[in-house]
């Protein structure tokens, strides 16, 4: 069985945290969550639980309708291919 690691784009979430709480530490204290746990979740090393997503939306004063946008956008990675263009 192949294990795949999905990396999510949390840039909008990072922005809201910075705007409303200044630091991840301040935000983690309000969740409550250990700052290293929050950091691991924001780096896609661990997953957010549903109750954490709801709590985060409450703290950031955003609608639960924002959950897909904040928590489930895949990070797009640029892949450089060293291929010769097709000659016609």
Protein backbone atom coordinates (compact mmCIF):
# COMPACT_ATOMS: atom_id res chain seq x y z
CA UNK A 1 0.00 0.00 0.00
CA UNK A 2 1.39 3.38 -1.01
CA UNK A 3 1.01 6.19 1.49
CA UNK A 4 0.50 9.59 -0.08
CA UNK A 5 1.04 12.81 1.80
CA UNK A 6 -1.31 15.56 0.66
CA UNK A 7 0.05 19.04 1.21
CA UNK A 8 -2.52 21.76 1.75
CA UNK A 9 -2.24 25.47 1.05
CA UNK A 10 -2.94 27.27 4.32
CA UNK A 11 -1.88 30.73 3.12
CA UNK A 12 -5.35 32.24 3.68
CA UNK A 13 -5.48 30.73 7.15
CA UNK A 14 -1.97 32.06 7.92
CA UNK A 15 -3.08 35.53 6.78
CA UNK A 16 -6.16 35.55 9.01
CA UNK A 17 -4.16 34.30 11.99
CA UNK A 18 -1.56 37.05 11.47
CA UNK A 19 -4.25 39.71 10.99
CA UNK A 20 -6.30 38.82 14.07
CA UNK A 21 -3.79 37.29 16.52
CA UNK A 22 -0.38 38.51 15.32
CA UNK A 23 1.44 35.26 16.15
CA UNK A 24 0.77 31.53 15.94
CA UNK A 25 1.53 31.32 19.69
CA UNK A 26 -1.23 33.81 20.54
CA UNK A 27 -3.64 31.93 18.30
CA UNK A 28 -2.68 28.47 19.59
CA UNK A 29 -3.28 29.62 23.16
CA UNK A 30 -6.86 30.61 22.25
CA UNK A 31 -7.75 27.31 20.50
CA UNK A 32 -6.28 25.85 22.96
CA UNK A 33 -3.52 23.88 21.26
CA UNK A 34 0.21 23.51 21.68
CA UNK A 35 1.96 25.87 19.25
CA UNK A 36 4.12 23.04 17.87
CA UNK A 37 0.97 21.01 17.14
CA UNK A 38 -0.55 23.97 15.32
CA UNK A 39 2.66 24.45 13.37
CA UNK A 40 2.69 20.76 12.34
CA UNK A 41 -0.91 21.04 11.17
CA UNK A 42 -0.16 24.20 9.18
CA UNK A 43 2.75 22.35 7.52
CA UNK A 44 0.44 19.42 6.60
CA UNK A 45 2.39 17.06 8.88
CA UNK A 46 -0.79 16.43 10.90
CA UNK A 47 -4.46 16.84 10.01
CA UNK A 48 -6.97 19.22 11.54
CA UNK A 49 -9.96 17.62 13.28
CA UNK A 50 -13.48 18.85 12.52
CA UNK A 51 -13.94 20.38 15.97
CA UNK A 52 -10.62 22.26 15.54
CA UNK A 53 -11.74 23.66 12.17
CA UNK A 54 -14.99 24.87 13.74
CA UNK A 55 -13.16 26.44 16.69
CA UNK A 56 -10.68 28.14 14.36
CA UNK A 57 -13.52 29.60 12.27
CA UNK A 58 -15.17 30.88 15.45
CA UNK A 59 -11.95 32.51 16.67
CA UNK A 60 -11.24 34.08 13.28
CA UNK A 61 -14.87 35.22 12.97
CA UNK A 62 -15.40 33.55 9.59
CA UNK A 63 -18.29 31.43 8.36
CA UNK A 64 -18.09 27.64 8.41
CA UNK A 65 -18.68 27.94 4.67
CA UNK A 66 -15.02 29.04 4.48
CA UNK A 67 -13.78 25.65 5.75
CA UNK A 68 -13.12 24.22 2.25
CA UNK A 69 -11.21 27.35 1.24
CA UNK A 70 -9.19 27.55 4.46
CA UNK A 71 -8.48 23.86 5.07
CA UNK A 72 -8.78 21.87 1.84
CA UNK A 73 -7.00 23.74 -0.94
CA UNK A 74 -4.19 21.59 -2.26
CA UNK A 75 -0.80 23.18 -2.58
CA UNK A 76 0.27 23.34 -6.20
CA UNK A 77 3.91 22.56 -6.71
CA UNK A 78 5.75 23.64 -9.81
CA UNK A 79 7.43 20.76 -11.54
CA UNK A 80 10.17 21.56 -13.98
CA UNK A 81 10.53 19.04 -16.76
CA UNK A 82 13.68 18.72 -18.77
CA UNK A 83 12.06 17.57 -21.99
CA UNK A 84 12.79 18.62 -25.51
CA UNK A 85 9.82 20.31 -27.14
CA UNK A 86 8.09 18.27 -29.80
CA UNK A 87 9.51 19.14 -33.20
CA UNK A 88 7.09 19.42 -36.13
